[in-house]
Amino acid sequence: MKTPLDYKKSIEKWKNMNQYTQGLTFAERDVVYRRIERVLYDACKKHPSFPSDPVQATAIMAEEAGEAVQAANDVVWHNGDIIKLRKELLHTGAMCVRILCGLDSGDINAHR
């Protein structure tokens, strides 16, 4: 099972992918990565076990993404809270990182 420190190492590798975050300074991107890292750390502490089945793991991420879509709709159509949208996006990002790291480590088995 991967530890929060293992996830942190993976996030460090992704920080160099700046072609996808143009318009933000390194410091601004770093803030986003650190927020995702913190949410991931908290999620790993709260839920130390995570599905080894990629469908179940991705369903957890999709549930978080659905909450982000709902929050985005609320922002656009119902004067919703942008802070809630950011929170849900961070949760989605953290679950994406957790799944990707699990696939890399073999904790999530993509083969039957």
Protein backbone atom coordinates (compact mmCIF):
# COMPACT_ATOMS: atom_id res chain seq x y z
CA MET A 1 0.00 0.00 0.00
CA LYS A 2 1.32 3.41 -0.92
CA THR A 3 1.92 5.95 1.80
CA PRO A 4 1.25 9.69 1.57
CA LEU A 5 5.02 10.16 1.13
CA ASP A 6 4.98 7.92 -1.96
CA TYR A 7 2.19 10.03 -3.42
CA LYS A 8 4.20 13.16 -2.67
CA LYS A 9 7.10 11.80 -4.73
CA SER A 10 4.77 11.19 -7.66
CA ILE A 11 3.35 14.70 -7.43
CA GLU A 12 6.89 16.10 -7.53
CA LYS A 13 7.41 14.43 -10.94
CA TRP A 14 4.23 16.01 -12.31
CA LYS A 15 5.18 19.53 -11.26
CA ASN A 16 7.46 19.79 -14.30
CA MET A 17 4.60 19.37 -16.76
CA ASN A 18 4.21 23.12 -17.20
CA GLN A 19 2.96 23.02 -20.80
CA TYR A 20 -0.45 22.17 -19.33
CA THR A 21 -0.47 24.99 -16.79
CA GLN A 22 0.66 27.93 -18.92
CA GLY A 23 -0.28 31.29 -17.52
CA LEU A 24 0.51 30.31 -13.94
CA THR A 25 3.83 30.90 -12.27
CA PHE A 26 5.68 27.99 -10.73
CA ALA A 27 4.72 29.30 -7.30
CA GLU A 28 1.04 29.43 -8.26
CA ARG A 29 1.16 25.88 -9.64
CA ASP A 30 3.00 24.76 -6.54
CA VAL A 31 0.16 26.06 -4.37
CA VAL A 32 -2.30 23.93 -6.34
CA TYR A 33 -0.10 20.84 -6.11
CA ARG A 34 0.39 21.35 -2.38
CA ARG A 35 -3.36 21.65 -1.88
CA ILE A 36 -3.96 18.43 -3.79
CA GLU A 37 -1.19 16.78 -1.79
CA ARG A 38 -2.81 17.88 1.48
CA VAL A 39 -6.25 16.61 0.43
CA LEU A 40 -4.64 13.32 -0.66
CA TYR A 41 -2.81 13.01 2.66
CA ASP A 42 -6.04 13.61 4.58
CA ALA A 43 -7.93 11.11 2.40
CA CYS A 44 -5.25 8.45 2.95
CA LYS A 45 -5.39 8.97 6.70
CA LYS A 46 -9.19 8.89 6.78
CA HIS A 47 -9.51 6.00 4.32
CA PRO A 48 -6.28 3.97 4.47
CA SER A 49 -7.73 1.15 2.39
CA PHE A 50 -8.55 1.82 -1.24
CA PRO A 51 -10.01 -0.51 -3.86
CA SER A 52 -7.52 -2.57 -5.84
CA ASP A 53 -10.06 -2.87 -8.65
CA PRO A 54 -9.57 0.01 -11.13
CA VAL A 55 -13.32 0.22 -11.82
CA GLN A 56 -14.16 0.70 -8.14
CA ALA A 57 -11.27 3.12 -7.64
CA THR A 58 -12.28 5.17 -10.66
CA ALA A 59 -15.89 5.18 -9.49
CA ILE A 60 -14.73 6.94 -6.32
CA MET A 61 -12.94 9.54 -8.45
CA ALA A 62 -16.03 9.89 -10.67
CA GLU A 63 -18.19 10.50 -7.61
CA GLU A 64 -15.86 13.35 -6.63
CA ALA A 65 -15.95 14.67 -10.21
CA GLY A 66 -19.74 14.58 -10.12
CA GLU A 67 -19.69 16.71 -6.99
CA ALA A 68 -17.38 19.15 -8.80
CA VAL A 69 -19.80 19.35 -11.73
CA GLN A 70 -22.67 19.99 -9.34
CA ALA A 71 -20.67 22.75 -7.62
CA ALA A 72 -19.78 24.28 -11.02
CA ASN A 73 -23.44 24.29 -12.02
CA ASP A 74 -24.28 25.96 -8.74
CA VAL A 75 -21.64 28.64 -9.35
CA VAL A 76 -22.91 29.37 -12.86
CA TRP A 77 -26.66 29.05 -12.39
CA HIS A 78 -27.41 29.53 -8.69
CA ASN A 79 -24.82 32.00 -7.39
CA GLY A 80 -22.99 29.08 -5.77
CA ASP A 81 -19.81 29.21 -3.76
CA ILE A 82 -16.56 29.14 -5.77
CA ILE A 83 -14.77 27.86 -2.66
CA LYS A 84 -16.93 24.73 -2.70
CA LEU A 85 -16.07 24.24 -6.39
CA ARG A 86 -12.35 24.51 -5.62
CA LYS A 87 -12.76 22.02 -2.77
CA GLU A 88 -14.48 19.46 -4.99
CA LEU A 89 -11.88 19.91 -7.72
CA LEU A 90 -9.12 19.31 -5.18
CA HIS A 91 -10.87 16.13 -4.03
CA THR A 92 -11.15 14.96 -7.64
CA GLY A 93 -7.48 15.74 -8.27
CA ALA A 94 -6.43 13.87 -5.15
CA MET A 95 -8.37 10.78 -6.21
CA CYS A 96 -6.84 10.96 -9.69
CA VAL A 97 -3.37 11.04 -8.13
CA ARG A 98 -4.24 8.17 -5.78
CA ILE A 99 -5.41 6.01 -8.68
CA LEU A 100 -2.45 6.85 -10.91
CA CYS A 101 0.00 6.08 -8.12
CA GLY A 102 -1.86 2.87 -7.33
CA LEU A 103 -1.60 1.78 -10.94
CA ASP A 104 2.12 2.59 -10.99
CA SER A 105 2.80 0.70 -7.77
CA GLY A 106 0.57 -2.28 -8.56
CA ASP A 107 -1.77 -1.56 -5.63
CA ILE A 108 -4.48 -1.13 -8.25
CA ASN A 109 -4.43 -4.12 -10.57
CA ALA A 110 -5.57 -3.26 -14.08
CA HIS A 111 -5.27 -6.87 -15.26
CA ARG A 112 -7.46 -9.79 -14.34
